[in-house]
């Protein structure tokens, strides 16, 4: 698995989406914004989108790992 240096805005989007999901308040627009940002980051870095998404979720949900 690749090591990532996610930009603050991408981390903030995922944190907000994760918090909303935990409160059963995640909207389709919010989820789509995260996916678009993940896709853009993956394209910019040349990394597989699924690896970027998994790394981002890990960074937000398990920051001490």
PDB file of N, CA and C in Angstrom:
ATOM      1  N   UNK A   1       0.855  -1.179   0.000  1.00  0.00           N
ATOM      2  CA  UNK A   1       0.000   0.000   0.000  1.00  0.00           C
ATOM      3  C   UNK A   1       0.894   1.232   0.000  1.00  0.00           C
ATOM      4  N   UNK A   2       0.525   2.189  -0.797  1.00  0.00           N
ATOM      5  CA  UNK A   2       1.283   3.423  -0.927  1.00  0.00           C
ATOM      6  C   UNK A   2       1.144   4.280   0.324  1.00  0.00           C
ATOM      7  N   UNK A   3       2.136   5.142   0.519  1.00  0.00           N
ATOM      8  CA  UNK A   3       2.089   6.119   1.595  1.00  0.00           C
ATOM      9  C   UNK A   3       1.574   7.426   0.989  1.00  0.00           C
ATOM     10  N   UNK A   4       0.704   8.098   1.707  1.00  0.00           N
ATOM     11  CA  UNK A   4       0.054   9.279   1.158  1.00  0.00           C
ATOM     12  C   UNK A   4       0.368  10.522   1.977  1.00  0.00           C
ATOM     13  N   UNK A   5       0.392  11.647   1.297  1.00  0.00           N
ATOM     14  CA  UNK A   5       0.498  12.955   1.933  1.00  0.00           C
ATOM     15  C   UNK A   5      -0.717  13.747   1.456  1.00  0.00           C
ATOM     16  N   UNK A   6      -1.865  13.444   2.076  1.00  0.00           N
ATOM     17  CA  UNK A   6      -3.115  14.042   1.622  1.00  0.00           C
ATOM     18  C   UNK A   6      -3.163  15.531   1.937  1.00  0.00           C
ATOM     19  N   UNK A   7      -3.709  16.326   1.014  1.00  0.00           N
ATOM     20  CA  UNK A   7      -3.895  17.749   1.297  1.00  0.00           C
ATOM     21  C   UNK A   7      -4.973  17.944   2.369  1.00  0.00           C
ATOM     22  N   UNK A   8      -4.853  19.026   3.094  1.00  0.00           N
ATOM     23  CA  UNK A   8      -5.774  19.305   4.198  1.00  0.00           C
ATOM     24  C   UNK A   8      -7.232  19.352   3.755  1.00  0.00           C
ATOM     25  N   UNK A   9      -7.492  19.903   2.569  1.00  0.00           N
ATOM     26  CA  UNK A   9      -8.883  20.009   2.128  1.00  0.00           C
ATOM     27  C   UNK A   9      -9.498  18.634   1.858  1.00  0.00           C
ATOM     28  N   UNK A  10      -8.715  17.698   1.357  1.00  0.00           N
ATOM     29  CA  UNK A  10      -9.219  16.347   1.124  1.00  0.00           C
ATOM     30  C   UNK A  10      -9.479  15.639   2.451  1.00  0.00           C
ATOM     31  N   UNK A  11      -8.578  15.798   3.392  1.00  0.00           N
ATOM     32  CA  UNK A  11      -8.790  15.221   4.721  1.00  0.00           C
ATOM     33  C   UNK A  11     -10.027  15.814   5.388  1.00  0.00           C
ATOM     34  N   UNK A  12     -10.227  17.114   5.243  1.00  0.00           N
ATOM     35  CA  UNK A  12     -11.394  17.768   5.843  1.00  0.00           C
ATOM     36  C   UNK A  12     -12.690  17.254   5.221  1.00  0.00           C
ATOM     37  N   UNK A  13     -12.702  17.058   3.909  1.00  0.00           N
ATOM     38  CA  UNK A  13     -13.897  16.516   3.249  1.00  0.00           C
ATOM     39  C   UNK A  13     -14.233  15.125   3.785  1.00  0.00           C
ATOM     40  N   UNK A  14     -13.221  14.278   3.884  1.00  0.00           N
ATOM     41  CA  UNK A  14     -13.456  12.914   4.370  1.00  0.00           C
ATOM     42  C   UNK A  14     -13.865  12.912   5.838  1.00  0.00           C
ATOM     43  N   UNK A  15     -13.238  13.762   6.658  1.00  0.00           N
ATOM     44  CA  UNK A  15     -13.630  13.837   8.077  1.00  0.00           C
ATOM     45  C   UNK A  15     -15.097  14.252   8.224  1.00  0.00           C
ATOM     46  N   UNK A  16     -15.492  15.247   7.463  1.00  0.00           N
ATOM     47  CA  UNK A  16     -16.881  15.715   7.531  1.00  0.00           C
ATOM     48  C   UNK A  16     -17.841  14.630   7.063  1.00  0.00           C
ATOM     49  N   UNK A  17     -17.478  13.921   6.015  1.00  0.00           N
ATOM     50  CA  UNK A  17     -18.333  12.840   5.512  1.00  0.00           C
ATOM     51  C   UNK A  17     -18.413  11.705   6.526  1.00  0.00           C
ATOM     52  N   UNK A  18     -17.298  11.360   7.144  1.00  0.00           N
ATOM     53  CA  UNK A  18     -17.276  10.288   8.136  1.00  0.00           C
ATOM     54  C   UNK A  18     -18.137  10.665   9.349  1.00  0.00           C
ATOM     55  N   UNK A  19     -18.010  11.888   9.810  1.00  0.00           N
ATOM     56  CA  UNK A  19     -18.833  12.352  10.933  1.00  0.00           C
ATOM     57  C   UNK A  19     -20.320  12.325  10.565  1.00  0.00           C
ATOM     58  N   UNK A  20     -20.646  12.776   9.366  1.00  0.00           N
ATOM     59  CA  UNK A  20     -22.038  12.764   8.924  1.00  0.00           C
ATOM     60  C   UNK A  20     -22.559  11.330   8.820  1.00  0.00           C
ATOM     61  N   UNK A  21     -21.743  10.431   8.303  1.00  0.00           N
ATOM     62  CA  UNK A  21     -22.158   9.028   8.171  1.00  0.00           C
ATOM     63  C   UNK A  21     -22.435   8.414   9.537  1.00  0.00           C
ATOM     64  N   UNK A  22     -21.615   8.734  10.513  1.00  0.00           N
ATOM     65  CA  UNK A  22     -21.813   8.204  11.856  1.00  0.00           C
ATOM     66  C   UNK A  22     -23.115   8.708  12.473  1.00  0.00           C
ATOM     67  N   UNK A  23     -23.566   9.871  12.033  1.00  0.00           N
ATOM     68  CA  UNK A  23     -24.815  10.450  12.541  1.00  0.00           C
ATOM     69  C   UNK A  23     -25.987  10.148  11.600  1.00  0.00           C
ATOM     70  N   UNK A  24     -25.752   9.276  10.619  1.00  0.00           N
ATOM     71  CA  UNK A  24     -26.771   8.921   9.615  1.00  0.00           C
ATOM     72  C   UNK A  24     -27.285  10.158   8.890  1.00  0.00           C
ATOM     73  N   UNK A  25     -26.366  11.080   8.610  1.00  0.00           N
ATOM     74  CA  UNK A  25     -26.751  12.333   7.969  1.00  0.00           C
ATOM     75  C   UNK A  25     -25.940  12.611   6.696  1.00  0.00           C
ATOM     76  N   UNK A  26     -25.221  11.614   6.208  1.00  0.00           N
ATOM     77  CA  UNK A  26     -24.429  11.801   4.997  1.00  0.00           C
ATOM     78  C   UNK A  26     -25.360  11.967   3.805  1.00  0.00           C
ATOM     79  N   UNK A  27     -25.149  13.015   3.045  1.00  0.00           N
ATOM     80  CA  UNK A  27     -25.991  13.269   1.873  1.00  0.00           C
ATOM     81  C   UNK A  27     -25.300  12.741   0.616  1.00  0.00           C
ATOM     82  N   UNK A  28     -26.077  12.452  -0.411  1.00  0.00           N
ATOM     83  CA  UNK A  28     -25.466  12.028  -1.681  1.00  0.00           C
ATOM     84  C   UNK A  28     -24.499  13.078  -2.237  1.00  0.00           C
ATOM     85  N   UNK A  29     -24.836  14.346  -2.095  1.00  0.00           N
ATOM     86  CA  UNK A  29     -23.953  15.405  -2.585  1.00  0.00           C
ATOM     87  C   UNK A  29     -22.624  15.412  -1.834  1.00  0.00           C
ATOM     88  N   UNK A  30     -22.679  15.197  -0.533  1.00  0.00           N
ATOM     89  CA  UNK A  30     -21.461  15.171   0.275  1.00  0.00           C
ATOM     90  C   UNK A  30     -20.593  13.969  -0.124  1.00  0.00           C
ATOM     91  N   UNK A  31     -21.215  12.816  -0.280  1.00  0.00           N
ATOM     92  CA  UNK A  31     -20.480  11.618  -0.696  1.00  0.00           C
ATOM     93  C   UNK A  31     -19.877  11.804  -2.082  1.00  0.00           C
ATOM     94  N   UNK A  32     -20.621  12.408  -2.982  1.00  0.00           N
ATOM     95  CA  UNK A  32     -20.133  12.639  -4.342  1.00  0.00           C
ATOM     96  C   UNK A  32     -18.950  13.612  -4.341  1.00  0.00           C
ATOM     97  N   UNK A  33     -18.981  14.601  -3.467  1.00  0.00           N
ATOM     98  CA  UNK A  33     -17.875  15.556  -3.388  1.00  0.00           C
ATOM     99  C   UNK A  33     -16.594  14.863  -2.938  1.00  0.00           C
ATOM    100  N   UNK A  34     -16.716  13.958  -1.980  1.00  0.00           N
ATOM    101  CA  UNK A  34     -15.542  13.212  -1.528  1.00  0.00           C
ATOM    102  C   UNK A  34     -15.022  12.340  -2.660  1.00  0.00           C
ATOM    103  N   UNK A  35     -15.907  11.634  -3.344  1.00  0.00           N
ATOM    104  CA  UNK A  35     -15.483  10.760  -4.441  1.00  0.00           C
ATOM    105  C   UNK A  35     -14.809  11.558  -5.552  1.00  0.00           C
ATOM    106  N   UNK A  36     -15.347  12.715  -5.870  1.00  0.00           N
ATOM    107  CA  UNK A  36     -14.740  13.554  -6.912  1.00  0.00           C
ATOM    108  C   UNK A  36     -13.342  14.005  -6.494  1.00  0.00           C
ATOM    109  N   UNK A  37     -13.190  14.382  -5.236  1.00  0.00           N
ATOM    110  CA  UNK A  37     -11.888  14.827  -4.742  1.00  0.00           C
ATOM    111  C   UNK A  37     -10.889  13.674  -4.719  1.00  0.00           C
ATOM    112  N   UNK A  38     -11.342  12.481  -4.348  1.00  0.00           N
ATOM    113  CA  UNK A  38     -10.480  11.297  -4.352  1.00  0.00           C
ATOM    114  C   UNK A  38     -10.040  10.995  -5.780  1.00  0.00           C
ATOM    115  N   UNK A  39     -10.968  11.024  -6.704  1.00  0.00           N
ATOM    116  CA  UNK A  39     -10.657  10.753  -8.105  1.00  0.00           C
ATOM    117  C   UNK A  39      -9.658  11.767  -8.652  1.00  0.00           C
ATOM    118  N   UNK A  40      -9.851  13.029  -8.313  1.00  0.00           N
ATOM    119  CA  UNK A  40      -8.937  14.077  -8.762  1.00  0.00           C
ATOM    120  C   UNK A  40      -7.542  13.867  -8.183  1.00  0.00           C
ATOM    121  N   UNK A  41      -7.461  13.574  -6.897  1.00  0.00           N
ATOM    122  CA  UNK A  41      -6.166  13.342  -6.249  1.00  0.00           C
ATOM    123  C   UNK A  41      -5.471  12.136  -6.885  1.00  0.00           C
ATOM    124  N   UNK A  42      -6.220  11.074  -7.127  1.00  0.00           N
ATOM    125  CA  UNK A  42      -5.644   9.882  -7.752  1.00  0.00           C
ATOM    126  C   UNK A  42      -5.101  10.208  -9.141  1.00  0.00           C
ATOM    127  N   UNK A  43      -5.838  10.971  -9.905  1.00  0.00           N
ATOM    128  CA  UNK A  43      -5.384  11.353 -11.247  1.00  0.00           C
ATOM    129  C   UNK A  43      -4.122  12.207 -11.182  1.00  0.00           C
ATOM    130  N   UNK A  44      -4.082  13.132 -10.229  1.00  0.00           N
ATOM    131  CA  UNK A  44      -2.923  14.015 -10.090  1.00  0.00           C
ATOM    132  C   UNK A  44      -1.671  13.258  -9.674  1.00  0.00           C
ATOM    133  N   UNK A  45      -1.831  12.236  -8.832  1.00  0.00           N
ATOM    134  CA  UNK A  45      -0.685  11.497  -8.318  1.00  0.00           C
ATOM    135  C   UNK A  45      -0.349  10.268  -9.145  1.00  0.00           C
ATOM    136  N   UNK A  46      -1.267   9.848 -10.019  1.00  0.00           N
ATOM    137  CA  UNK A  46      -1.039   8.661 -10.816  1.00  0.00           C
ATOM    138  C   UNK A  46      -1.237   7.369 -10.050  1.00  0.00           C
ATOM    139  N   UNK A  47      -1.871   7.449  -8.897  1.00  0.00           N
ATOM    140  CA  UNK A  47      -2.122   6.268  -8.061  1.00  0.00           C
ATOM    141  C   UNK A  47      -3.519   5.725  -8.323  1.00  0.00           C
ATOM    142  N   UNK A  48      -3.725   4.436  -8.091  1.00  0.00           N
ATOM    143  CA  UNK A  48      -5.059   3.867  -8.268  1.00  0.00           C
ATOM    144  C   UNK A  48      -6.071   4.525  -7.323  1.00  0.00           C
ATOM    145  N   UNK A  49      -7.237   4.871  -7.855  1.00  0.00           N
ATOM    146  CA  UNK A  49      -8.250   5.553  -7.058  1.00  0.00           C
ATOM    147  C   UNK A  49      -8.636   4.742  -5.829  1.00  0.00           C
ATOM    148  N   UNK A  50      -8.768   3.441  -5.970  1.00  0.00           N
ATOM    149  CA  UNK A  50      -9.188   2.611  -4.836  1.00  0.00           C
ATOM    150  C   UNK A  50      -8.135   2.646  -3.726  1.00  0.00           C
ATOM    151  N   UNK A  51      -6.844   2.689  -4.074  1.00  0.00           N
ATOM    152  CA  UNK A  51      -5.802   2.786  -3.049  1.00  0.00           C
ATOM    153  C   UNK A  51      -5.854   4.138  -2.347  1.00  0.00           C
ATOM    154  N   UNK A  52      -6.113   5.181  -3.119  1.00  0.00           N
ATOM    155  CA  UNK A  52      -6.242   6.519  -2.538  1.00  0.00           C
ATOM    156  C   UNK A  52      -7.415   6.545  -1.562  1.00  0.00           C
ATOM    157  N   UNK A  53      -8.550   5.998  -1.990  1.00  0.00           N
ATOM    158  CA  UNK A  53      -9.736   6.000  -1.136  1.00  0.00           C
ATOM    159  C   UNK A  53      -9.494   5.216   0.153  1.00  0.00           C
ATOM    160  N   UNK A  54      -8.893   4.043   0.028  1.00  0.00           N
ATOM    161  CA  UNK A  54      -8.622   3.239   1.232  1.00  0.00           C
ATOM    162  C   UNK A  54      -7.640   3.952   2.160  1.00  0.00           C
ATOM    163  N   UNK A  55      -6.614   4.574   1.582  1.00  0.00           N
ATOM    164  CA  UNK A  55      -5.642   5.307   2.389  1.00  0.00           C
ATOM    165  C   UNK A  55      -6.262   6.497   3.092  1.00  0.00           C
ATOM    166  N   UNK A  56      -7.150   7.186   2.400  1.00  0.00           N
ATOM    167  CA  UNK A  56      -7.826   8.341   2.986  1.00  0.00           C
ATOM    168  C   UNK A  56      -8.729   7.910   4.140  1.00  0.00           C
ATOM    169  N   UNK A  57      -9.495   6.867   3.929  1.00  0.00           N
ATOM    170  CA  UNK A  57     -10.365   6.368   4.998  1.00  0.00           C
ATOM    171  C   UNK A  57      -9.534   5.941   6.206  1.00  0.00           C
ATOM    172  N   UNK A  58      -8.415   5.259   5.959  1.00  0.00           N
ATOM    173  CA  UNK A  58      -7.547   4.831   7.053  1.00  0.00           C
ATOM    174  C   UNK A  58      -6.986   6.041   7.795  1.00  0.00           C
ATOM    175  N   UNK A  59      -6.556   7.059   7.061  1.00  0.00           N
ATOM    176  CA  UNK A  59      -5.984   8.258   7.677  1.00  0.00           C
ATOM    177  C   UNK A  59      -6.991   8.969   8.570  1.00  0.00           C
ATOM    178  N   UNK A  60      -8.261   8.972   8.165  1.00  0.00           N
ATOM    179  CA  UNK A  60      -9.294   9.672   8.931  1.00  0.00           C
ATOM    180  C   UNK A  60      -9.826   8.811  10.067  1.00  0.00           C
ATOM    181  N   UNK A  61     -10.065   7.548   9.794  1.00  0.00           N
ATOM    182  CA  UNK A  61     -10.715   6.680  10.782  1.00  0.00           C
ATOM    183  C   UNK A  61      -9.745   6.052  11.774  1.00  0.00           C
ATOM    184  N   UNK A  62      -8.479   5.913  11.381  1.00  0.00           N
ATOM    185  CA  UNK A  62      -7.469   5.272  12.237  1.00  0.00           C
ATOM    186  C   UNK A  62      -6.187   6.088  12.182  1.00  0.00           C
ATOM    187  N   UNK A  63      -6.207   7.325  12.638  1.00  0.00           N
ATOM    188  CA  UNK A  63      -5.042   8.204  12.477  1.00  0.00           C
ATOM    189  C   UNK A  63      -3.784   7.757  13.217  1.00  0.00           C
ATOM    190  N   UNK A  64      -3.925   6.886  14.202  1.00  0.00           N
ATOM    191  CA  UNK A  64      -2.755   6.459  14.973  1.00  0.00           C
ATOM    192  C   UNK A  64      -2.043   5.264  14.374  1.00  0.00           C
ATOM    193  N   UNK A  65      -2.605   4.690  13.306  1.00  0.00           N
ATOM    194  CA  UNK A  65      -1.974   3.514  12.682  1.00  0.00           C
ATOM    195  C   UNK A  65      -0.770   3.893  11.869  1.00  0.00           C
TER     196      UNK A  65
END
